[in-house]
Amino acid sequence: MTTTTWTRELILRRRHLHAAIDHAAEKAPGEAARLRLDLYTITHDFDVHSVDRSELETGFDIIEHDVARAAA
């Protein structure tokens, strides 16, 4: 069970990233799998307090950039 506060904004952003990864998987399934693992990892790290919100958002930014590259 997590004690981390997931705001609506963070939840919606995480869901958006999952959808974008799904779309990228059509063109680059291997890259999409890596990105999905990255997303699960940073989410887990936030849940267990290994990273703070700012680090989570930075991780989301990096994943978002990589997803855009993979989907291009």
PDB file of N, CA and C in Angstrom:
ATOM      1  N   MET A   1       0.843  -1.175   0.000  1.00  0.00           N
ATOM      2  CA  MET A   1       0.000   0.000   0.000  1.00  0.00           C
ATOM      3  C   MET A   1       0.889   1.239   0.000  1.00  0.00           C
ATOM      4  N   THR A   2       0.488   2.208  -0.790  1.00  0.00           N
ATOM      5  CA  THR A   2       1.271   3.434  -0.892  1.00  0.00           C
ATOM      6  C   THR A   2       0.775   4.482   0.103  1.00  0.00           C
ATOM      7  N   THR A   3       1.699   5.272   0.581  1.00  0.00           N
ATOM      8  CA  THR A   3       1.338   6.414   1.417  1.00  0.00           C
ATOM      9  C   THR A   3       1.652   7.712   0.675  1.00  0.00           C
ATOM     10  N   THR A   4       2.049   7.578  -0.573  1.00  0.00           N
ATOM     11  CA  THR A   4       2.378   8.732  -1.401  1.00  0.00           C
ATOM     12  C   THR A   4       1.091   9.399  -1.876  1.00  0.00           C
ATOM     13  N   THR A   5       1.107  10.706  -1.918  1.00  0.00           N
ATOM     14  CA  THR A   5      -0.051  11.439  -2.389  1.00  0.00           C
ATOM     15  C   THR A   5       0.022  11.606  -3.896  1.00  0.00           C
ATOM     16  N   TRP A   6      -0.862  10.891  -4.566  1.00  0.00           N
ATOM     17  CA  TRP A   6      -0.993  11.028  -6.013  1.00  0.00           C
ATOM     18  C   TRP A   6      -2.080  12.055  -6.283  1.00  0.00           C
ATOM     19  N   THR A   7      -1.674  13.196  -6.831  1.00  0.00           N
ATOM     20  CA  THR A   7      -2.655  14.228  -7.176  1.00  0.00           C
ATOM     21  C   THR A   7      -3.366  13.829  -8.466  1.00  0.00           C
ATOM     22  N   ARG A   8      -4.480  14.460  -8.703  1.00  0.00           N
ATOM     23  CA  ARG A   8      -5.221  14.217  -9.950  1.00  0.00           C
ATOM     24  C   ARG A   8      -4.326  14.487 -11.152  1.00  0.00           C
ATOM     25  N   GLU A   9      -3.554  15.556 -11.087  1.00  0.00           N
ATOM     26  CA  GLU A   9      -2.657  15.935 -12.182  1.00  0.00           C
ATOM     27  C   GLU A   9      -1.645  14.824 -12.469  1.00  0.00           C
ATOM     28  N   LEU A  10      -1.044  14.276 -11.420  1.00  0.00           N
ATOM     29  CA  LEU A  10      -0.057  13.212 -11.614  1.00  0.00           C
ATOM     30  C   LEU A  10      -0.698  11.941 -12.173  1.00  0.00           C
ATOM     31  N   ILE A  11      -1.876  11.614 -11.676  1.00  0.00           N
ATOM     32  CA  ILE A  11      -2.564  10.416 -12.169  1.00  0.00           C
ATOM     33  C   ILE A  11      -2.917  10.568 -13.642  1.00  0.00           C
ATOM     34  N   LEU A  12      -3.434  11.721 -14.016  1.00  0.00           N
ATOM     35  CA  LEU A  12      -3.791  11.953 -15.414  1.00  0.00           C
ATOM     36  C   LEU A  12      -2.560  11.938 -16.310  1.00  0.00           C
ATOM     37  N   ARG A  13      -1.469  12.482 -15.831  1.00  0.00           N
ATOM     38  CA  ARG A  13      -0.234  12.471 -16.627  1.00  0.00           C
ATOM     39  C   ARG A  13       0.279  11.044 -16.804  1.00  0.00           C
ATOM     40  N   ARG A  14       0.232  10.268 -15.754  1.00  0.00           N
ATOM     41  CA  ARG A  14       0.664   8.864 -15.839  1.00  0.00           C
ATOM     42  C   ARG A  14      -0.208   8.105 -16.836  1.00  0.00           C
ATOM     43  N   ARG A  15      -1.523   8.325 -16.788  1.00  0.00           N
ATOM     44  CA  ARG A  15      -2.432   7.660 -17.724  1.00  0.00           C
ATOM     45  C   ARG A  15      -2.152   8.086 -19.158  1.00  0.00           C
ATOM     46  N   HIS A  16      -1.866   9.372 -19.351  1.00  0.00           N
ATOM     47  CA  HIS A  16      -1.528   9.883 -20.681  1.00  0.00           C
ATOM     48  C   HIS A  16      -0.263   9.193 -21.200  1.00  0.00           C
ATOM     49  N   LEU A  17       0.721   9.023 -20.342  1.00  0.00           N
ATOM     50  CA  LEU A  17       1.959   8.363 -20.762  1.00  0.00           C
ATOM     51  C   LEU A  17       1.703   6.912 -21.143  1.00  0.00           C
ATOM     52  N   HIS A  18       0.871   6.217 -20.385  1.00  0.00           N
ATOM     53  CA  HIS A  18       0.536   4.839 -20.740  1.00  0.00           C
ATOM     54  C   HIS A  18      -0.120   4.785 -22.123  1.00  0.00           C
ATOM     55  N   ALA A  19      -1.035   5.695 -22.396  1.00  0.00           N
ATOM     56  CA  ALA A  19      -1.710   5.730 -23.701  1.00  0.00           C
ATOM     57  C   ALA A  19      -0.713   6.048 -24.815  1.00  0.00           C
ATOM     58  N   ALA A  20       0.189   6.979 -24.561  1.00  0.00           N
ATOM     59  CA  ALA A  20       1.188   7.336 -25.570  1.00  0.00           C
ATOM     60  C   ALA A  20       2.127   6.156 -25.842  1.00  0.00           C
ATOM     61  N   ILE A  21       2.474   5.421 -24.811  1.00  0.00           N
ATOM     62  CA  ILE A  21       3.320   4.235 -24.983  1.00  0.00           C
ATOM     63  C   ILE A  21       2.572   3.184 -25.800  1.00  0.00           C
ATOM     64  N   ASP A  22       1.293   3.007 -25.541  1.00  0.00           N
ATOM     65  CA  ASP A  22       0.483   2.074 -26.341  1.00  0.00           C
ATOM     66  C   ASP A  22       0.549   2.446 -27.814  1.00  0.00           C
ATOM     67  N   HIS A  23       0.425   3.724 -28.101  1.00  0.00           N
ATOM     68  CA  HIS A  23       0.482   4.198 -29.487  1.00  0.00           C
ATOM     69  C   HIS A  23       1.875   3.959 -30.093  1.00  0.00           C
ATOM     70  N   ALA A  24       2.912   4.246 -29.330  1.00  0.00           N
ATOM     71  CA  ALA A  24       4.281   4.060 -29.819  1.00  0.00           C
ATOM     72  C   ALA A  24       4.587   2.589 -30.089  1.00  0.00           C
ATOM     73  N   ALA A  25       3.923   1.699 -29.374  1.00  0.00           N
ATOM     74  CA  ALA A  25       4.166   0.258 -29.531  1.00  0.00           C
ATOM     75  C   ALA A  25       3.809  -0.231 -30.928  1.00  0.00           C
ATOM     76  N   GLU A  26       2.940   0.483 -31.624  1.00  0.00           N
ATOM     77  CA  GLU A  26       2.581   0.098 -32.981  1.00  0.00           C
ATOM     78  C   GLU A  26       3.777   0.197 -33.923  1.00  0.00           C
ATOM     79  N   LYS A  27       4.646   1.166 -33.691  1.00  0.00           N
ATOM     80  CA  LYS A  27       5.819   1.375 -34.552  1.00  0.00           C
ATOM     81  C   LYS A  27       7.095   0.783 -33.969  1.00  0.00           C
ATOM     82  N   ALA A  28       7.206   0.804 -32.657  1.00  0.00           N
ATOM     83  CA  ALA A  28       8.451   0.383 -32.013  1.00  0.00           C
ATOM     84  C   ALA A  28       8.132  -0.412 -30.752  1.00  0.00           C
ATOM     85  N   PRO A  29       7.735  -1.677 -30.908  1.00  0.00           N
ATOM     86  CA  PRO A  29       7.321  -2.448 -29.732  1.00  0.00           C
ATOM     87  C   PRO A  29       8.423  -2.645 -28.694  1.00  0.00           C
ATOM     88  N   GLY A  30       9.641  -2.832 -29.129  1.00  0.00           N
ATOM     89  CA  GLY A  30      10.738  -3.012 -28.176  1.00  0.00           C
ATOM     90  C   GLY A  30      11.001  -1.761 -27.361  1.00  0.00           C
ATOM     91  N   GLU A  31      11.014  -0.636 -28.042  1.00  0.00           N
ATOM     92  CA  GLU A  31      11.221   0.648 -27.364  1.00  0.00           C
ATOM     93  C   GLU A  31      10.053   0.939 -26.418  1.00  0.00           C
ATOM     94  N   ALA A  32       8.848   0.621 -26.850  1.00  0.00           N
ATOM     95  CA  ALA A  32       7.669   0.838 -26.005  1.00  0.00           C
ATOM     96  C   ALA A  32       7.752  -0.009 -24.737  1.00  0.00           C
ATOM     97  N   ALA A  33       8.240  -1.229 -24.859  1.00  0.00           N
ATOM     98  CA  ALA A  33       8.381  -2.090 -23.678  1.00  0.00           C
ATOM     99  C   ALA A  33       9.372  -1.487 -22.685  1.00  0.00           C
ATOM    100  N   ARG A  34      10.473  -0.949 -23.201  1.00  0.00           N
ATOM    101  CA  ARG A  34      11.465  -0.308 -22.325  1.00  0.00           C
ATOM    102  C   ARG A  34      10.867   0.915 -21.641  1.00  0.00           C
ATOM    103  N   LEU A  35      10.120   1.693 -22.404  1.00  0.00           N
ATOM    104  CA  LEU A  35       9.499   2.896 -21.842  1.00  0.00           C
ATOM    105  C   LEU A  35       8.461   2.547 -20.789  1.00  0.00           C
ATOM    106  N   ARG A  36       7.700   1.477 -21.034  1.00  0.00           N
ATOM    107  CA  ARG A  36       6.708   1.040 -20.044  1.00  0.00           C
ATOM    108  C   ARG A  36       7.415   0.638 -18.747  1.00  0.00           C
ATOM    109  N   LEU A  37       8.529  -0.078 -18.867  1.00  0.00           N
ATOM    110  CA  LEU A  37       9.293  -0.461 -17.680  1.00  0.00           C
ATOM    111  C   LEU A  37       9.820   0.782 -16.960  1.00  0.00           C
ATOM    112  N   ASP A  38      10.315   1.750 -17.717  1.00  0.00           N
ATOM    113  CA  ASP A  38      10.777   3.009 -17.107  1.00  0.00           C
ATOM    114  C   ASP A  38       9.645   3.698 -16.344  1.00  0.00           C
ATOM    115  N   LEU A  39       8.452   3.698 -16.939  1.00  0.00           N
ATOM    116  CA  LEU A  39       7.311   4.342 -16.290  1.00  0.00           C
ATOM    117  C   LEU A  39       6.922   3.600 -15.012  1.00  0.00           C
ATOM    118  N   TYR A  40       6.874   2.280 -15.079  1.00  0.00           N
ATOM    119  CA  TYR A  40       6.571   1.496 -13.871  1.00  0.00           C
ATOM    120  C   TYR A  40       7.635   1.718 -12.798  1.00  0.00           C
ATOM    121  N   THR A  41       8.883   1.804 -13.202  1.00  0.00           N
ATOM    122  CA  THR A  41       9.973   1.975 -12.243  1.00  0.00           C
ATOM    123  C   THR A  41       9.888   3.318 -11.533  1.00  0.00           C
ATOM    124  N   ILE A  42       9.729   4.400 -12.281  1.00  0.00           N
ATOM    125  CA  ILE A  42       9.684   5.722 -11.644  1.00  0.00           C
ATOM    126  C   ILE A  42       8.431   5.849 -10.776  1.00  0.00           C
ATOM    127  N   THR A  43       7.327   5.234 -11.209  1.00  0.00           N
ATOM    128  CA  THR A  43       6.097   5.250 -10.416  1.00  0.00           C
ATOM    129  C   THR A  43       6.303   4.501  -9.100  1.00  0.00           C
ATOM    130  N   HIS A  44       6.922   3.337  -9.180  1.00  0.00           N
ATOM    131  CA  HIS A  44       7.200   2.559  -7.970  1.00  0.00           C
ATOM    132  C   HIS A  44       8.136   3.331  -7.041  1.00  0.00           C
ATOM    133  N   ASP A  45       9.173   3.920  -7.610  1.00  0.00           N
ATOM    134  CA  ASP A  45      10.120   4.684  -6.793  1.00  0.00           C
ATOM    135  C   ASP A  45       9.426   5.832  -6.058  1.00  0.00           C
ATOM    136  N   PHE A  46       8.465   6.470  -6.705  1.00  0.00           N
ATOM    137  CA  PHE A  46       7.703   7.528  -6.055  1.00  0.00           C
ATOM    138  C   PHE A  46       6.836   6.946  -4.937  1.00  0.00           C
ATOM    139  N   ASP A  47       6.212   5.807  -5.214  1.00  0.00           N
ATOM    140  CA  ASP A  47       5.355   5.159  -4.203  1.00  0.00           C
ATOM    141  C   ASP A  47       6.115   4.803  -2.932  1.00  0.00           C
ATOM    142  N   VAL A  48       7.358   4.373  -3.084  1.00  0.00           N
ATOM    143  CA  VAL A  48       8.133   3.952  -1.909  1.00  0.00           C
ATOM    144  C   VAL A  48       9.065   5.054  -1.404  1.00  0.00           C
ATOM    145  N   HIS A  49       8.858   6.267  -1.906  1.00  0.00           N
ATOM    146  CA  HIS A  49       9.589   7.453  -1.451  1.00  0.00           C
ATOM    147  C   HIS A  49      11.076   7.436  -1.799  1.00  0.00           C
ATOM    148  N   SER A  50      11.444   6.716  -2.852  1.00  0.00           N
ATOM    149  CA  SER A  50      12.834   6.754  -3.320  1.00  0.00           C
ATOM    150  C   SER A  50      13.101   8.023  -4.116  1.00  0.00           C
ATOM    151  N   VAL A  51      12.044   8.588  -4.702  1.00  0.00           N
ATOM    152  CA  VAL A  51      12.143   9.860  -5.413  1.00  0.00           C
ATOM    153  C   VAL A  51      11.014  10.764  -4.926  1.00  0.00           C
ATOM    154  N   ASP A  52      11.230  12.068  -5.056  1.00  0.00           N
ATOM    155  CA  ASP A  52      10.184  13.012  -4.669  1.00  0.00           C
ATOM    156  C   ASP A  52       9.385  13.438  -5.910  1.00  0.00           C
ATOM    157  N   ARG A  53       8.437  14.314  -5.701  1.00  0.00           N
ATOM    158  CA  ARG A  53       7.566  14.717  -6.813  1.00  0.00           C
ATOM    159  C   ARG A  53       8.352  15.350  -7.949  1.00  0.00           C
ATOM    160  N   SER A  54       9.312  16.161  -7.633  1.00  0.00           N
ATOM    161  CA  SER A  54      10.084  16.822  -8.689  1.00  0.00           C
ATOM    162  C   SER A  54      10.862  15.804  -9.523  1.00  0.00           C
ATOM    163  N   GLU A  55      11.407  14.787  -8.877  1.00  0.00           N
ATOM    164  CA  GLU A  55      12.120  13.735  -9.611  1.00  0.00           C
ATOM    165  C   GLU A  55      11.146  12.894 -10.439  1.00  0.00           C
ATOM    166  N   LEU A  56       9.955  12.656  -9.905  1.00  0.00           N
ATOM    167  CA  LEU A  56       8.928  11.945 -10.660  1.00  0.00           C
ATOM    168  C   LEU A  56       8.567  12.730 -11.920  1.00  0.00           C
ATOM    169  N   GLU A  57       8.348  14.022 -11.773  1.00  0.00           N
ATOM    170  CA  GLU A  57       7.979  14.853 -12.923  1.00  0.00           C
ATOM    171  C   GLU A  57       9.101  14.906 -13.951  1.00  0.00           C
ATOM    172  N   THR A  58      10.335  14.939 -13.491  1.00  0.00           N
ATOM    173  CA  THR A  58      11.468  14.893 -14.412  1.00  0.00           C
ATOM    174  C   THR A  58      11.490  13.561 -15.156  1.00  0.00           C
ATOM    175  N   GLY A  59      11.242  12.473 -14.434  1.00  0.00           N
ATOM    176  CA  GLY A  59      11.161  11.161 -15.069  1.00  0.00           C
ATOM    177  C   GLY A  59      10.050  11.112 -16.102  1.00  0.00           C
ATOM    178  N   PHE A  60       8.895  11.682 -15.773  1.00  0.00           N
ATOM    179  CA  PHE A  60       7.789  11.749 -16.725  1.00  0.00           C
ATOM    180  C   PHE A  60       8.194  12.542 -17.960  1.00  0.00           C
ATOM    181  N   ASP A  61       8.896  13.660 -17.764  1.00  0.00           N
ATOM    182  CA  ASP A  61       9.348  14.482 -18.897  1.00  0.00           C
ATOM    183  C   ASP A  61      10.255  13.678 -19.829  1.00  0.00           C
ATOM    184  N   ILE A  62      11.188  12.952 -19.251  1.00  0.00           N
ATOM    185  CA  ILE A  62      12.124  12.155 -20.053  1.00  0.00           C
ATOM    186  C   ILE A  62      11.377  11.073 -20.827  1.00  0.00           C
ATOM    187  N   ILE A  63      10.471  10.390 -20.145  1.00  0.00           N
ATOM    188  CA  ILE A  63       9.689   9.338 -20.806  1.00  0.00           C
ATOM    189  C   ILE A  63       8.839   9.937 -21.916  1.00  0.00           C
ATOM    190  N   GLU A  64       8.223  11.071 -21.655  1.00  0.00           N
ATOM    191  CA  GLU A  64       7.389  11.724 -22.672  1.00  0.00           C
ATOM    192  C   GLU A  64       8.220  12.068 -23.906  1.00  0.00           C
ATOM    193  N   HIS A  65       9.407  12.579 -23.703  1.00  0.00           N
ATOM    194  CA  HIS A  65      10.307  12.906 -24.819  1.00  0.00           C
ATOM    195  C   HIS A  65      10.667  11.636 -25.593  1.00  0.00           C
ATOM    196  N   ASP A  66      11.013  10.580 -24.882  1.00  0.00           N
ATOM    197  CA  ASP A  66      11.391   9.329 -25.537  1.00  0.00           C
ATOM    198  C   ASP A  66      10.220   8.673 -26.272  1.00  0.00           C
ATOM    199  N   VAL A  67       9.024   8.807 -25.714  1.00  0.00           N
ATOM    200  CA  VAL A  67       7.824   8.262 -26.387  1.00  0.00           C
ATOM    201  C   VAL A  67       7.581   9.002 -27.698  1.00  0.00           C
ATOM    202  N   ALA A  68       7.712  10.312 -27.680  1.00  0.00           N
ATOM    203  CA  ALA A  68       7.515  11.096 -28.898  1.00  0.00           C
ATOM    204  C   ALA A  68       8.518  10.683 -29.973  1.00  0.00           C
ATOM    205  N   ARG A  69       9.746  10.444 -29.566  1.00  0.00           N
ATOM    206  CA  ARG A  69      10.784   9.997 -30.501  1.00  0.00           C
ATOM    207  C   ARG A  69      10.456   8.615 -31.064  1.00  0.00           C
ATOM    208  N   ALA A  70      10.000   7.720 -30.194  1.00  0.00           N
ATOM    209  CA  ALA A  70       9.682   6.357 -30.627  1.00  0.00           C
ATOM    210  C   ALA A  70       8.475   6.311 -31.552  1.00  0.00           C
ATOM    211  N   ALA A  71       7.530   7.216 -31.349  1.00  0.00           N
ATOM    212  CA  ALA A  71       6.310   7.211 -32.149  1.00  0.00           C
ATOM    213  C   ALA A  71       6.491   7.905 -33.494  1.00  0.00           C
ATOM    214  N   ALA A  72       7.579   8.640 -33.645  1.00  0.00           N
ATOM    215  CA  ALA A  72       7.818   9.399 -34.894  1.00  0.00           C
ATOM    216  C   ALA A  72       8.196   8.503 -36.049  1.00  0.00           C
TER     217      ALA A  72
END
